[in-house]
Amino acid sequence: MISVKEAKSLVKDNMIPLSIHRLPLSQAAGYTLGADVYATTDIPAFEQSSMDGYAIRFADADKPLTVAGEMQAGAHSGFALKPLQAARIFTGAPLPEGADTVIMQEKVVINEGILSIPDAELKQGNNVRHIGAEAKKGALAMVKGSKLTPAAIGFLAGIGFTEVEVYRTPMVGIIITGKELQQPGADLAFGQVYESSSYALTAALEQANITKINLYAADDHLDELAEIFRQALHINDVVLLTGGVSVGDYDFVIRAAEQLEVTQIFHKVRQKPGKPLYFGKKGDKVIFGLPGNPSSVLSCYYQYVLPALEILTNYNGIVTTHKGYSGRIRLTDAVLTHSYEKPAGLTHFLKAHCHDGNVTPLHAQESFRMSSFAAANCMIELNEEQTVFTAGSVVPVYILPE
């Protein structure tokens, strides 16, 4: 059995980003950019007004001017502005040749066709977007490893891109084991419980922009599990199994993995919940055996699976920037509002609620209970050796994705 720190390090060391492929920009939101993007043209490609107003030569700002014409956004042709002339201009329109400054329409006075500018604070170049102000032709516009947020998508569209190279997202298979599981909505027979882990994992994966998900169910039988496991490994990049990773008579995940020649990286971590956690690889396929209790499943997902998936997809440039893990879960410190005691020997992850720098452990910490997880916005980590954590002490907290 290994420590939490050792387990996380082993997961990180065994992850390599997936391949890069090209996607239409309209489908790329949430992905990670797989190559540097260079601007192919100057944006804007012309001197552009950022205001509704009047384009002028700054040298003429203190003189009476005549309005010689008008420039609208999208104008197909321009004209030259002569000395002592101004042009009516609108936001986004190109400046007439010779103009170098735009004065807001609220700051001019027009009397009998003559325009004057009573603005002592006017400076040359005011309200003008210069050529290449957004992006210069040939310049680096966005670096490899950048998250393609809505703003990033808009920026790339605004500089003329229609498709981008991105890191591929993994196909994930979820194998639910256990003959006692029944689907929600059906009647429960004696000894049955509703299966919820596939619902929680699917929702968590989709929240991480992973939508290629395959679901499988296996009875507590070694040959059946091994065959389903084999099928899942054939078509998925990552396989998550729930249940069957302990040492009971009907826990077959470890034996099935051995039968399929999966290389075990570790099995069992000094933590609660989730002590039986299993991690293995077969070639470039990644396997996590998660404990069967729903709270353990989700705890292990947030602590191990999600960081692994984010390395596979190079989320936020985790690998290319060499800055370590900086993913969807934010690690911070908070002040414990209530004292908490535990035995030595295991790291505890507590479902909790964090607000204004204070964190409160919630009720129902047992691994089979999800009601507290449903109300939690974070997880507290309590180190394995310490037994008493007093109110007012500072503890590490993982802020969960919303």
Protein backbone atom coordinates (compact mmCIF):
# COMPACT_ATOMS: atom_id res chain seq x y z
CA MET A 1 0.00 0.00 0.00
CA ILE A 2 1.41 3.39 -1.01
CA SER A 3 0.83 6.98 0.09
CA VAL A 4 -1.45 9.47 -1.65
CA LYS A 5 1.59 11.49 -2.74
CA GLU A 6 3.23 8.40 -4.27
CA ALA A 7 0.02 7.38 -6.04
CA LYS A 8 -0.50 10.81 -7.58
CA SER A 9 3.11 10.94 -8.71
CA LEU A 10 2.82 7.53 -10.37
CA VAL A 11 -0.35 8.57 -12.19
CA LYS A 12 1.28 11.76 -13.44
CA ASP A 13 4.48 9.97 -14.54
CA ASN A 14 2.49 7.47 -16.61
CA MET A 15 0.42 9.97 -18.57
CA ILE A 16 1.36 11.18 -22.06
CA PRO A 17 -0.82 13.63 -24.04
CA LEU A 18 -2.90 12.09 -26.79
CA SER A 19 -2.37 12.85 -30.46
CA ILE A 20 -3.26 16.14 -32.12
CA HIS A 21 -5.95 16.51 -34.75
CA ARG A 22 -7.66 19.34 -36.60
CA LEU A 23 -11.17 20.54 -35.73
CA PRO A 24 -13.47 23.21 -37.12
CA LEU A 25 -13.32 26.24 -34.85
CA SER A 26 -17.05 25.89 -34.21
CA GLN A 27 -16.40 22.49 -32.58
CA ALA A 28 -13.19 23.32 -30.68
CA ALA A 29 -14.51 24.99 -27.51
CA GLY A 30 -13.14 23.35 -24.38
CA TYR A 31 -10.24 21.65 -26.14
CA THR A 32 -6.55 22.46 -25.69
CA LEU A 33 -4.67 24.05 -28.57
CA GLY A 34 -2.21 21.57 -30.05
CA ALA A 35 0.03 23.97 -32.01
CA ASP A 36 1.06 27.61 -31.92
CA VAL A 37 -1.21 29.87 -33.98
CA TYR A 38 0.32 32.65 -36.08
CA ALA A 39 -1.68 35.51 -37.55
CA THR A 40 -1.99 35.30 -41.33
CA THR A 41 -2.87 38.97 -41.80
CA ASP A 42 -2.90 42.26 -39.91
CA ILE A 43 -6.04 42.70 -37.79
CA PRO A 44 -7.33 45.31 -38.30
CA ALA A 45 -5.89 45.59 -41.79
CA PHE A 46 -6.54 49.34 -41.89
CA GLU A 47 -6.59 52.30 -39.52
CA GLN A 48 -10.00 51.91 -37.88
CA SER A 49 -12.27 54.15 -35.82
CA SER A 50 -13.26 52.92 -32.37
CA MET A 51 -15.95 55.59 -31.97
CA ASP A 52 -18.83 57.28 -33.72
CA GLY A 53 -17.54 60.78 -34.40
CA TYR A 54 -15.34 62.69 -36.81
CA ALA A 55 -12.01 61.78 -38.39
CA ILE A 56 -9.55 64.64 -38.59
CA ARG A 57 -5.91 65.54 -39.11
CA PHE A 58 -4.61 66.24 -35.62
CA ALA A 59 -2.65 69.21 -36.94
CA ASP A 60 -6.00 70.84 -37.78
CA ALA A 61 -7.64 70.17 -34.40
CA ASP A 62 -7.59 73.84 -33.31
CA LYS A 63 -8.92 75.17 -36.64
CA PRO A 64 -12.45 75.40 -38.10
CA LEU A 65 -13.14 72.39 -40.33
CA THR A 66 -15.60 71.51 -43.04
CA VAL A 67 -17.22 68.05 -43.17
CA ALA A 68 -16.12 66.60 -46.49
CA GLY A 69 -17.73 63.17 -46.44
CA GLU A 70 -18.66 60.07 -44.47
CA MET A 71 -17.11 56.68 -43.74
CA GLN A 72 -19.24 53.74 -42.60
CA ALA A 73 -18.12 50.38 -41.29
CA GLY A 74 -17.69 48.03 -44.23
CA ALA A 75 -17.05 50.84 -46.70
CA HIS A 76 -15.75 49.44 -50.00
CA SER A 77 -13.64 52.47 -50.86
CA GLY A 78 -12.21 55.49 -49.13
CA PHE A 79 -11.17 59.01 -49.92
CA ALA A 80 -8.39 61.38 -48.98
CA LEU A 81 -8.95 63.98 -46.27
CA LYS A 82 -7.53 67.34 -47.29
CA PRO A 83 -6.22 69.94 -44.83
CA LEU A 84 -8.98 71.74 -42.87
CA GLN A 85 -11.43 68.92 -43.58
CA ALA A 86 -13.17 66.41 -41.32
CA ALA A 87 -15.13 63.26 -42.16
CA ARG A 88 -18.15 61.85 -40.39
CA ILE A 89 -17.12 58.36 -39.26
CA PHE A 90 -18.69 55.40 -37.45
CA THR A 91 -17.34 52.69 -35.19
CA GLY A 92 -15.38 50.09 -37.15
CA ALA A 93 -15.02 52.22 -40.26
CA PRO A 94 -11.66 52.81 -41.96
CA LEU A 95 -10.15 56.27 -41.55
CA PRO A 96 -9.93 58.42 -44.68
CA GLU A 97 -6.43 58.78 -46.07
CA GLY A 98 -4.61 61.55 -44.21
CA ALA A 99 -6.73 61.31 -41.03
CA ASP A 100 -4.95 60.27 -37.85
CA THR A 101 -7.38 61.06 -35.04
CA VAL A 102 -11.07 60.53 -34.26
CA ILE A 103 -12.98 62.94 -32.03
CA MET A 104 -16.13 61.71 -30.31
CA GLN A 105 -19.28 63.20 -31.75
CA GLU A 106 -20.25 64.49 -28.30
CA LYS A 107 -17.12 66.66 -28.21
CA VAL A 108 -17.58 68.66 -31.40
CA VAL A 109 -19.64 71.76 -32.17
CA ILE A 110 -21.11 72.28 -35.64
CA ASN A 111 -22.33 75.75 -36.51
CA GLU A 112 -23.50 76.58 -40.03
CA GLY A 113 -21.60 73.65 -41.46
CA ILE A 114 -18.35 74.50 -39.71
CA LEU A 115 -16.97 71.99 -37.19
CA SER A 116 -14.92 73.09 -34.20
CA ILE A 117 -13.34 70.99 -31.44
CA PRO A 118 -13.39 72.56 -27.96
CA ASP A 119 -11.42 69.68 -26.42
CA ALA A 120 -8.13 70.70 -24.82
CA GLU A 121 -7.37 67.06 -23.85
CA LEU A 122 -7.51 65.67 -27.39
CA LYS A 123 -4.36 63.76 -28.36
CA GLN A 124 -3.11 62.59 -31.71
CA GLY A 125 -4.32 59.06 -32.44
CA ASN A 126 -7.27 59.20 -30.05
CA ASN A 127 -9.98 56.61 -30.77
CA VAL A 128 -8.00 54.98 -33.59
CA ARG A 129 -7.31 51.26 -33.79
CA HIS A 130 -4.02 50.98 -35.61
CA ILE A 131 -3.12 48.41 -38.24
CA GLY A 132 -2.23 45.13 -36.50
CA ALA A 133 -3.42 46.32 -33.09
CA GLU A 134 -5.21 42.99 -32.49
CA ALA A 135 -2.80 40.77 -34.42
CA LYS A 136 0.20 41.48 -36.63
CA LYS A 137 0.76 39.33 -39.70
CA GLY A 138 3.24 36.55 -38.90
CA ALA A 139 3.16 37.19 -35.15
CA LEU A 140 2.38 34.53 -32.55
CA ALA A 141 -1.32 34.95 -31.76
CA MET A 142 -1.94 32.03 -29.35
CA VAL A 143 0.46 29.52 -27.85
CA LYS A 144 0.23 25.75 -27.91
CA GLY A 145 -1.40 24.46 -24.72
CA SER A 146 -3.90 27.32 -24.44
CA LYS A 147 -7.41 26.43 -23.33
CA LEU A 148 -9.94 27.17 -26.06
CA THR A 149 -12.38 29.20 -24.00
CA PRO A 150 -15.31 31.06 -25.59
CA ALA A 151 -13.12 34.18 -25.66
CA ALA A 152 -10.29 32.25 -27.35
CA ILE A 153 -12.71 30.91 -29.96
CA GLY A 154 -13.95 34.45 -30.61
CA PHE A 155 -10.39 35.78 -30.86
CA LEU A 156 -9.35 33.13 -33.38
CA ALA A 157 -12.47 33.73 -35.45
CA GLY A 158 -11.75 37.46 -35.30
CA ILE A 159 -8.32 36.96 -36.85
CA GLY A 160 -9.70 34.79 -39.61
CA PHE A 161 -9.27 31.16 -38.50
CA THR A 162 -11.89 28.53 -39.31
CA GLU A 163 -10.13 25.47 -37.87
CA VAL A 164 -7.41 24.67 -35.32
CA GLU A 165 -5.21 21.82 -34.18
CA VAL A 166 -6.21 20.45 -30.77
CA TYR A 167 -5.28 17.61 -28.45
CA ARG A 168 -7.64 14.71 -28.92
CA THR A 169 -9.97 13.91 -26.05
CA PRO A 170 -9.94 10.30 -24.87
CA MET A 171 -12.66 7.76 -25.39
CA VAL A 172 -13.56 6.47 -21.93
CA GLY A 173 -15.15 3.16 -21.06
CA ILE A 174 -16.97 2.72 -17.75
CA ILE A 175 -17.45 -0.85 -16.53
CA ILE A 176 -19.94 -1.19 -13.69
CA THR A 177 -19.53 -4.43 -11.72
CA GLY A 178 -21.86 -5.96 -9.16
CA LYS A 179 -24.91 -8.25 -9.44
CA GLU A 180 -26.67 -6.27 -6.70
CA LEU A 181 -27.05 -3.16 -8.91
CA GLN A 182 -30.38 -2.15 -10.40
CA GLN A 183 -31.11 0.73 -12.74
CA PRO A 184 -32.86 3.79 -11.25
CA GLY A 185 -36.59 3.72 -11.85
CA ALA A 186 -36.93 -0.05 -11.61
CA ASP A 187 -38.30 -1.84 -8.57
CA LEU A 188 -35.70 -3.03 -6.10
CA ALA A 189 -35.67 -6.72 -5.29
CA PHE A 190 -34.32 -8.03 -2.00
CA GLY A 191 -30.59 -7.25 -1.74
CA GLN A 192 -30.52 -4.77 -4.62
CA VAL A 193 -29.43 -1.12 -4.66
CA TYR A 194 -29.70 1.50 -7.36
CA GLU A 195 -26.64 1.93 -9.56
CA SER A 196 -25.48 5.56 -9.48
CA SER A 197 -21.74 5.55 -10.21
CA SER A 198 -22.11 5.48 -14.00
CA TYR A 199 -24.39 8.53 -13.78
CA ALA A 200 -21.94 10.45 -11.57
CA LEU A 201 -18.90 9.50 -13.68
CA THR A 202 -20.63 10.32 -16.97
CA ALA A 203 -21.67 13.73 -15.66
CA ALA A 204 -18.16 14.40 -14.34
CA LEU A 205 -16.55 13.37 -17.64
CA GLU A 206 -18.91 15.54 -19.67
CA GLN A 207 -18.11 18.44 -17.34
CA ALA A 208 -14.47 17.90 -18.37
CA ASN A 209 -15.43 18.09 -22.07
CA ILE A 210 -15.13 14.31 -22.53
CA THR A 211 -18.21 13.09 -24.35
CA LYS A 212 -17.05 9.87 -26.04
CA ILE A 213 -18.16 7.53 -23.26
CA ASN A 214 -19.03 3.83 -23.49
CA LEU A 215 -20.92 2.09 -20.67
CA TYR A 216 -20.63 -1.60 -19.79
CA ALA A 217 -22.09 -3.78 -17.04
CA ALA A 218 -20.51 -6.97 -15.74
CA ASP A 219 -21.80 -9.58 -13.32
CA ASP A 220 -19.61 -10.88 -10.49
CA HIS A 221 -18.03 -13.56 -12.67
CA LEU A 222 -14.37 -13.60 -13.71
CA ASP A 223 -14.78 -14.81 -17.29
CA GLU A 224 -17.63 -12.42 -18.04
CA LEU A 225 -15.76 -9.47 -16.55
CA ALA A 226 -12.56 -10.36 -18.41
CA GLU A 227 -14.39 -10.50 -21.75
CA ILE A 228 -16.12 -7.15 -21.20
CA PHE A 229 -12.84 -5.69 -19.96
CA ARG A 230 -11.12 -6.95 -23.13
CA GLN A 231 -13.77 -5.31 -25.33
CA ALA A 232 -13.48 -2.04 -23.44
CA LEU A 233 -9.68 -1.98 -23.77
CA HIS A 234 -9.95 -2.58 -27.51
CA ILE A 235 -11.91 0.61 -28.29
CA ASN A 236 -11.27 3.00 -25.37
CA ASP A 237 -8.23 5.05 -24.35
CA VAL A 238 -9.20 4.97 -20.67
CA VAL A 239 -11.16 2.27 -18.83
CA LEU A 240 -12.76 2.94 -15.45
CA LEU A 241 -14.08 -0.01 -13.46
CA THR A 242 -16.24 0.45 -10.39
CA GLY A 243 -16.33 -2.21 -7.69
CA GLY A 244 -14.54 -5.54 -7.49
CA VAL A 245 -11.08 -4.12 -6.67
CA SER A 246 -10.85 -5.32 -3.07
CA VAL A 247 -9.99 -8.84 -1.86
CA GLY A 248 -13.42 -10.42 -1.47
CA ASP A 249 -14.43 -13.74 -2.98
CA TYR A 250 -16.36 -11.92 -5.72
CA ASP A 251 -13.85 -9.14 -6.42
CA PHE A 252 -12.49 -10.08 -9.85
CA VAL A 253 -11.03 -6.85 -11.30
CA ILE A 254 -7.43 -7.56 -10.31
CA ARG A 255 -7.59 -11.13 -11.60
CA ALA A 256 -9.21 -10.00 -14.85
CA ALA A 257 -6.50 -7.36 -15.31
CA GLU A 258 -3.80 -9.99 -14.80
CA GLN A 259 -5.52 -12.30 -17.27
CA LEU A 260 -5.51 -9.49 -19.86
CA GLU A 261 -1.82 -8.74 -19.15
CA VAL A 262 -2.47 -5.25 -17.80
CA THR A 263 0.63 -3.89 -16.06
CA GLN A 264 -0.23 -2.97 -12.48
CA ILE A 265 1.27 0.37 -11.46
CA PHE A 266 -0.22 0.29 -7.97
CA HIS A 267 -3.05 -1.28 -5.99
CA LYS A 268 -4.23 0.17 -2.67
CA VAL A 269 -3.52 3.65 -1.34
CA ARG A 270 -3.33 4.78 2.27
CA GLN A 271 -6.47 6.89 2.05
CA LYS A 272 -10.11 7.02 3.06
CA PRO A 273 -12.31 6.75 1.11
CA GLY A 274 -10.88 4.76 -1.79
CA LYS A 275 -8.19 2.59 -0.22
CA PRO A 276 -8.54 -0.29 -2.78
CA LEU A 277 -7.84 2.05 -5.75
CA TYR A 278 -6.10 0.29 -8.66
CA PHE A 279 -4.08 1.88 -11.47
CA GLY A 280 -2.63 0.04 -14.44
CA LYS A 281 -1.69 0.33 -18.11
CA LYS A 282 -1.70 -1.89 -21.16
CA GLY A 283 0.37 -0.28 -23.88
CA ASP A 284 -1.01 3.24 -24.13
CA LYS A 285 -4.34 2.27 -22.52
CA VAL A 286 -5.01 3.60 -19.01
CA ILE A 287 -6.98 1.64 -16.41
CA PHE A 288 -8.41 2.79 -13.09
CA GLY A 289 -10.13 0.31 -10.79
CA LEU A 290 -12.34 2.39 -8.51
CA PRO A 291 -13.95 1.11 -5.29
CA GLY A 292 -17.63 0.27 -5.53
CA ASN A 293 -19.08 2.74 -3.03
CA PRO A 294 -20.40 5.83 -4.85
CA SER A 295 -18.62 8.39 -2.68
CA SER A 296 -15.33 6.50 -3.09
CA VAL A 297 -15.83 6.46 -6.86
CA LEU A 298 -16.24 10.21 -7.08
CA SER A 299 -13.47 10.94 -4.54
CA CYS A 300 -10.99 8.86 -6.54
CA TYR A 301 -12.18 10.42 -9.79
CA TYR A 302 -11.42 13.94 -8.57
CA GLN A 303 -8.10 13.05 -6.95
CA TYR A 304 -6.65 10.75 -9.63
CA VAL A 305 -8.74 10.23 -12.75
CA LEU A 306 -9.49 13.85 -13.63
CA PRO A 307 -5.84 14.97 -13.29
CA ALA A 308 -4.85 12.03 -15.51
CA LEU A 309 -7.43 12.97 -18.14
CA GLU A 310 -6.25 16.56 -18.09
CA ILE A 311 -2.68 15.47 -18.81
CA LEU A 312 -3.93 13.28 -21.66
CA THR A 313 -5.69 16.29 -23.20
CA ASN A 314 -2.94 18.74 -22.13
CA TYR A 315 -5.58 20.84 -20.41
CA ASN A 316 -4.31 24.42 -19.84
CA GLY A 317 -0.91 23.42 -21.21
CA ILE A 318 -0.22 21.23 -18.17
CA VAL A 319 2.55 19.36 -19.95
CA THR A 320 3.88 21.89 -22.44
CA THR A 321 4.28 24.69 -19.89
CA HIS A 322 6.13 22.45 -17.39
CA LYS A 323 4.36 24.18 -14.51
CA GLY A 324 2.90 21.05 -12.96
CA TYR A 325 -0.78 20.26 -12.48
CA SER A 326 -3.06 23.27 -12.83
CA GLY A 327 -6.39 21.83 -13.81
CA ARG A 328 -10.09 22.18 -13.18
CA ILE A 329 -9.68 21.46 -9.45
CA ARG A 330 -8.08 24.33 -7.56
CA LEU A 331 -5.92 23.48 -4.53
CA THR A 332 -5.98 26.14 -1.83
CA ASP A 333 -5.84 26.53 1.97
CA ALA A 334 -8.79 27.27 4.23
CA VAL A 335 -9.53 27.63 7.93
CA LEU A 336 -11.28 24.65 9.53
CA THR A 337 -14.49 25.75 11.26
CA HIS A 338 -14.95 22.59 13.32
CA SER A 339 -12.49 20.25 15.00
CA TYR A 340 -12.09 16.80 13.47
CA GLU A 341 -10.47 13.61 14.75
CA LYS A 342 -9.36 10.52 12.84
CA PRO A 343 -7.03 7.52 13.36
CA ALA A 344 -3.43 7.73 12.16
CA GLY A 345 -2.30 5.82 9.09
CA LEU A 346 -4.66 7.00 6.34
CA THR A 347 -5.06 10.30 4.50
CA HIS A 348 -8.71 11.33 4.79
CA PHE A 349 -10.60 13.19 2.08
CA LEU A 350 -13.65 14.88 3.59
CA LYS A 351 -16.62 16.22 1.71
CA ALA A 352 -16.94 19.84 2.74
CA HIS A 353 -18.19 23.33 1.98
CA CYS A 354 -15.78 26.24 1.57
CA HIS A 355 -16.79 29.90 1.77
CA ASP A 356 -14.79 33.09 2.35
CA GLY A 357 -11.66 31.19 3.30
CA ASN A 358 -13.40 28.94 5.83
CA VAL A 359 -14.16 25.27 5.30
CA THR A 360 -16.74 23.10 7.09
CA PRO A 361 -16.74 19.28 6.99
CA LEU A 362 -20.20 18.02 6.10
CA HIS A 363 -22.23 15.23 7.65
CA ALA A 364 -22.38 11.70 6.21
CA GLN A 365 -18.71 11.10 5.41
CA GLU A 366 -19.25 7.35 4.95
CA SER A 367 -18.16 6.09 1.54
CA PHE A 368 -21.60 4.78 0.57
CA ARG A 369 -23.34 8.11 1.22
CA MET A 370 -23.71 10.70 -1.52
CA SER A 371 -26.00 13.23 0.15
CA SER A 372 -23.08 15.20 1.57
CA PHE A 373 -21.20 15.04 -1.75
CA ALA A 374 -24.27 16.52 -3.41
CA ALA A 375 -23.97 19.54 -1.09
CA ALA A 376 -20.16 19.80 -1.16
CA ASN A 377 -18.14 22.29 -3.18
CA CYS A 378 -14.74 21.00 -2.05
CA MET A 379 -12.77 18.19 -0.44
CA ILE A 380 -10.53 18.60 2.61
CA GLU A 381 -7.30 16.60 2.72
CA LEU A 382 -6.17 15.52 6.19
CA ASN A 383 -2.67 14.02 6.25
CA GLU A 384 -2.25 10.39 7.22
CA GLU A 385 -0.27 10.74 10.47
CA GLN A 386 -2.06 13.60 12.23
CA THR A 387 -5.07 12.56 14.33
CA VAL A 388 -6.53 15.80 15.72
CA PHE A 389 -7.35 18.84 13.60
CA THR A 390 -8.59 21.71 15.73
CA ALA A 391 -11.01 24.42 14.69
CA GLY A 392 -9.04 27.38 13.40
CA SER A 393 -6.25 25.30 11.88
CA VAL A 394 -5.41 25.70 8.21
CA VAL A 395 -5.99 22.67 5.97
CA PRO A 396 -5.52 21.98 2.23
CA VAL A 397 -8.76 22.12 0.26
CA TYR A 398 -9.60 20.99 -3.28
CA ILE A 399 -12.23 23.26 -4.82
CA LEU A 400 -14.38 21.06 -7.07
CA PRO A 401 -15.46 22.00 -10.61
CA GLU A 402 -18.86 23.66 -10.80
